[in-house]
Amino acid sequence: MASVVTIPSDWQKAELAVDGPSLTVVLGDDDLRHKLAVLAAHCSGVVVSRSSPSQKARACCAWLPCLSLAQASRRAVCACPAC
Protein backbone atom coordinates (compact mmCIF):
# COMPACT_ATOMS: atom_id res chain seq x y z
CA MET A 1 0.00 0.00 0.00
CA ALA A 2 1.44 3.38 -0.99
CA SER A 3 1.78 6.04 1.65
CA VAL A 4 0.08 9.36 1.07
CA VAL A 5 3.48 10.95 0.58
CA THR A 6 4.12 8.87 -2.55
CA ILE A 7 0.81 9.45 -4.34
CA PRO A 8 1.64 10.14 -8.00
CA SER A 9 0.47 13.44 -9.44
CA ASP A 10 -1.53 11.67 -12.16
CA TRP A 11 -3.93 10.47 -9.48
CA GLN A 12 -5.91 13.64 -10.25
CA LYS A 13 -7.66 11.41 -12.79
CA ALA A 14 -9.24 9.28 -10.02
CA GLU A 15 -12.29 9.86 -7.86
CA LEU A 16 -12.73 8.79 -4.25
CA ALA A 17 -15.91 7.49 -2.60
CA VAL A 18 -16.24 7.35 1.18
CA ASP A 19 -19.25 6.09 3.12
CA GLY A 20 -20.54 7.42 6.43
CA PRO A 21 -19.42 4.53 8.66
CA SER A 22 -15.88 4.71 7.25
CA LEU A 23 -15.88 8.48 7.63
CA THR A 24 -16.82 8.11 11.32
CA VAL A 25 -13.69 6.01 11.89
CA VAL A 26 -11.44 8.31 9.88
CA LEU A 27 -12.67 11.54 11.46
CA GLY A 28 -12.11 10.06 14.92
CA ASP A 29 -8.37 9.55 14.33
CA ASP A 30 -6.05 12.51 13.64
CA ASP A 31 -3.57 10.45 11.61
CA LEU A 32 -6.26 8.83 9.44
CA ARG A 33 -8.03 12.17 9.00
CA HIS A 34 -4.83 13.75 7.68
CA LYS A 35 -4.07 10.81 5.37
CA LEU A 36 -7.58 10.87 3.91
CA ALA A 37 -7.35 14.65 3.47
CA VAL A 38 -4.12 14.34 1.50
CA LEU A 39 -5.54 11.47 -0.56
CA ALA A 40 -8.71 13.47 -1.29
CA ALA A 41 -6.62 16.45 -2.37
CA HIS A 42 -5.00 14.25 -5.02
CA CYS A 43 -8.30 13.12 -6.52
CA SER A 44 -10.38 14.88 -9.13
CA GLY A 45 -13.50 14.41 -7.02
CA VAL A 46 -14.70 13.04 -3.71
CA VAL A 47 -18.16 11.62 -2.98
CA VAL A 48 -19.29 11.13 0.60
CA SER A 49 -22.34 8.89 0.77
CA ARG A 50 -24.59 7.51 3.50
CA SER A 51 -23.46 10.16 5.97
CA SER A 52 -25.02 13.01 7.87
CA PRO A 53 -24.64 16.62 6.71
CA SER A 54 -22.52 17.30 9.79
CA GLN A 55 -20.14 14.45 8.85
CA LYS A 56 -19.77 15.89 5.35
CA ALA A 57 -19.10 19.33 6.80
CA ARG A 58 -16.45 17.95 9.17
CA ALA A 59 -14.81 16.14 6.25
CA CYS A 60 -14.69 19.37 4.21
CA CYS A 61 -13.16 21.26 7.12
CA ALA A 62 -10.53 18.52 7.49
CA TRP A 63 -9.75 18.48 3.76
CA LEU A 64 -9.67 22.20 2.92
CA PRO A 65 -6.20 22.86 4.44
CA CYS A 66 -4.73 20.16 2.16
CA LEU A 67 -6.14 21.68 -1.02
CA SER A 68 -4.17 24.26 -2.94
CA LEU A 69 -5.84 27.64 -3.38
CA ALA A 70 -6.69 26.79 -6.99
CA GLN A 71 -8.25 23.48 -6.00
CA ALA A 72 -10.19 25.02 -3.13
CA SER A 73 -11.69 27.83 -5.22
CA ARG A 74 -12.52 25.49 -8.08
CA ARG A 75 -13.93 22.46 -6.29
CA ALA A 76 -14.54 22.72 -2.57
CA VAL A 77 -18.02 23.33 -1.29
CA CYS A 78 -18.11 23.32 2.50
CA ALA A 79 -21.17 23.64 4.71
CA CYS A 80 -19.26 23.81 7.98
CA PRO A 81 -19.80 27.08 9.88
CA ALA A 82 -16.27 26.80 11.29
CA CYS A 83 -14.78 27.08 7.80
C-alpha atoms as a PDB file:
ATOM      1  CA  MET A   1       0.000   0.000   0.000  1.00  0.00           C
ATOM      2  CA  ALA A   2       1.436   3.381  -0.994  1.00  0.00           C
ATOM      3  CA  SER A   3       1.783   6.045   1.650  1.00  0.00           C
ATOM      4  CA  VAL A   4       0.078   9.360   1.073  1.00  0.00           C
ATOM      5  CA  VAL A   5       3.483  10.946   0.576  1.00  0.00           C
ATOM      6  CA  THR A   6       4.118   8.869  -2.550  1.00  0.00           C
ATOM      7  CA  ILE A   7       0.813   9.455  -4.344  1.00  0.00           C
ATOM      8  CA  PRO A   8       1.637  10.135  -8.001  1.00  0.00           C
ATOM      9  CA  SER A   9       0.466  13.441  -9.440  1.00  0.00           C
ATOM     10  CA  ASP A  10      -1.531  11.671 -12.163  1.00  0.00           C
ATOM     11  CA  TRP A  11      -3.934  10.471  -9.483  1.00  0.00           C
ATOM     12  CA  GLN A  12      -5.912  13.636 -10.248  1.00  0.00           C
ATOM     13  CA  LYS A  13      -7.663  11.413 -12.785  1.00  0.00           C
ATOM     14  CA  ALA A  14      -9.244   9.280 -10.024  1.00  0.00           C
ATOM     15  CA  GLU A  15     -12.289   9.862  -7.855  1.00  0.00           C
ATOM     16  CA  LEU A  16     -12.725   8.794  -4.254  1.00  0.00           C
ATOM     17  CA  ALA A  17     -15.911   7.494  -2.599  1.00  0.00           C
ATOM     18  CA  VAL A  18     -16.244   7.352   1.185  1.00  0.00           C
ATOM     19  CA  ASP A  19     -19.255   6.086   3.117  1.00  0.00           C
ATOM     20  CA  GLY A  20     -20.536   7.417   6.430  1.00  0.00           C
ATOM     21  CA  PRO A  21     -19.415   4.532   8.664  1.00  0.00           C
ATOM     22  CA  SER A  22     -15.877   4.713   7.248  1.00  0.00           C
ATOM     23  CA  LEU A  23     -15.883   8.478   7.629  1.00  0.00           C
ATOM     24  CA  THR A  24     -16.821   8.107  11.316  1.00  0.00           C
ATOM     25  CA  VAL A  25     -13.695   6.006  11.894  1.00  0.00           C
ATOM     26  CA  VAL A  26     -11.440   8.305   9.877  1.00  0.00           C
ATOM     27  CA  LEU A  27     -12.669  11.543  11.461  1.00  0.00           C
ATOM     28  CA  GLY A  28     -12.108  10.059  14.918  1.00  0.00           C
ATOM     29  CA  ASP A  29      -8.373   9.553  14.334  1.00  0.00           C
ATOM     30  CA  ASP A  30      -6.050  12.506  13.642  1.00  0.00           C
ATOM     31  CA  ASP A  31      -3.568  10.446  11.610  1.00  0.00           C
ATOM     32  CA  LEU A  32      -6.258   8.830   9.444  1.00  0.00           C
ATOM     33  CA  ARG A  33      -8.031  12.171   8.997  1.00  0.00           C
ATOM     34  CA  HIS A  34      -4.831  13.753   7.683  1.00  0.00           C
ATOM     35  CA  LYS A  35      -4.068  10.814   5.371  1.00  0.00           C
ATOM     36  CA  LEU A  36      -7.575  10.872   3.913  1.00  0.00           C
ATOM     37  CA  ALA A  37      -7.353  14.647   3.469  1.00  0.00           C
ATOM     38  CA  VAL A  38      -4.116  14.336   1.499  1.00  0.00           C
ATOM     39  CA  LEU A  39      -5.542  11.469  -0.561  1.00  0.00           C
ATOM     40  CA  ALA A  40      -8.713  13.466  -1.285  1.00  0.00           C
ATOM     41  CA  ALA A  41      -6.623  16.453  -2.374  1.00  0.00           C
ATOM     42  CA  HIS A  42      -4.996  14.253  -5.016  1.00  0.00           C
ATOM     43  CA  CYS A  43      -8.300  13.122  -6.516  1.00  0.00           C
ATOM     44  CA  SER A  44     -10.382  14.883  -9.130  1.00  0.00           C
ATOM     45  CA  GLY A  45     -13.499  14.408  -7.015  1.00  0.00           C
ATOM     46  CA  VAL A  46     -14.703  13.039  -3.709  1.00  0.00           C
ATOM     47  CA  VAL A  47     -18.156  11.624  -2.985  1.00  0.00           C
ATOM     48  CA  VAL A  48     -19.294  11.128   0.602  1.00  0.00           C
ATOM     49  CA  SER A  49     -22.344   8.888   0.771  1.00  0.00           C
ATOM     50  CA  ARG A  50     -24.589   7.513   3.500  1.00  0.00           C
ATOM     51  CA  SER A  51     -23.456  10.156   5.974  1.00  0.00           C
ATOM     52  CA  SER A  52     -25.018  13.012   7.872  1.00  0.00           C
ATOM     53  CA  PRO A  53     -24.644  16.620   6.713  1.00  0.00           C
ATOM     54  CA  SER A  54     -22.522  17.304   9.793  1.00  0.00           C
ATOM     55  CA  GLN A  55     -20.138  14.452   8.848  1.00  0.00           C
ATOM     56  CA  LYS A  56     -19.770  15.895   5.347  1.00  0.00           C
ATOM     57  CA  ALA A  57     -19.096  19.333   6.797  1.00  0.00           C
ATOM     58  CA  ARG A  58     -16.445  17.946   9.173  1.00  0.00           C
ATOM     59  CA  ALA A  59     -14.808  16.144   6.248  1.00  0.00           C
ATOM     60  CA  CYS A  60     -14.690  19.367   4.214  1.00  0.00           C
ATOM     61  CA  CYS A  61     -13.156  21.257   7.115  1.00  0.00           C
ATOM     62  CA  ALA A  62     -10.528  18.522   7.490  1.00  0.00           C
ATOM     63  CA  TRP A  63      -9.746  18.484   3.757  1.00  0.00           C
ATOM     64  CA  LEU A  64      -9.667  22.198   2.923  1.00  0.00           C
ATOM     65  CA  PRO A  65      -6.203  22.863   4.445  1.00  0.00           C
ATOM     66  CA  CYS A  66      -4.734  20.156   2.162  1.00  0.00           C
ATOM     67  CA  LEU A  67      -6.136  21.678  -1.023  1.00  0.00           C
ATOM     68  CA  SER A  68      -4.173  24.260  -2.937  1.00  0.00           C
ATOM     69  CA  LEU A  69      -5.845  27.637  -3.379  1.00  0.00           C
ATOM     70  CA  ALA A  70      -6.693  26.790  -6.989  1.00  0.00           C
ATOM     71  CA  GLN A  71      -8.252  23.481  -5.997  1.00  0.00           C
ATOM     72  CA  ALA A  72     -10.188  25.022  -3.129  1.00  0.00           C
ATOM     73  CA  SER A  73     -11.685  27.825  -5.220  1.00  0.00           C
ATOM     74  CA  ARG A  74     -12.523  25.488  -8.080  1.00  0.00           C
ATOM     75  CA  ARG A  75     -13.930  22.461  -6.290  1.00  0.00           C
ATOM     76  CA  ALA A  76     -14.544  22.722  -2.571  1.00  0.00           C
ATOM     77  CA  VAL A  77     -18.023  23.328  -1.285  1.00  0.00           C
ATOM     78  CA  CYS A  78     -18.112  23.321   2.502  1.00  0.00           C
ATOM     79  CA  ALA A  79     -21.169  23.639   4.707  1.00  0.00           C
ATOM     80  CA  CYS A  80     -19.264  23.808   7.978  1.00  0.00           C
ATOM     81  CA  PRO A  81     -19.802  27.080   9.878  1.00  0.00           C
ATOM     82  CA  ALA A  82     -16.273  26.804  11.288  1.00  0.00           C
ATOM     83  CA  CYS A  83     -14.776  27.083   7.799  1.00  0.00           C
END
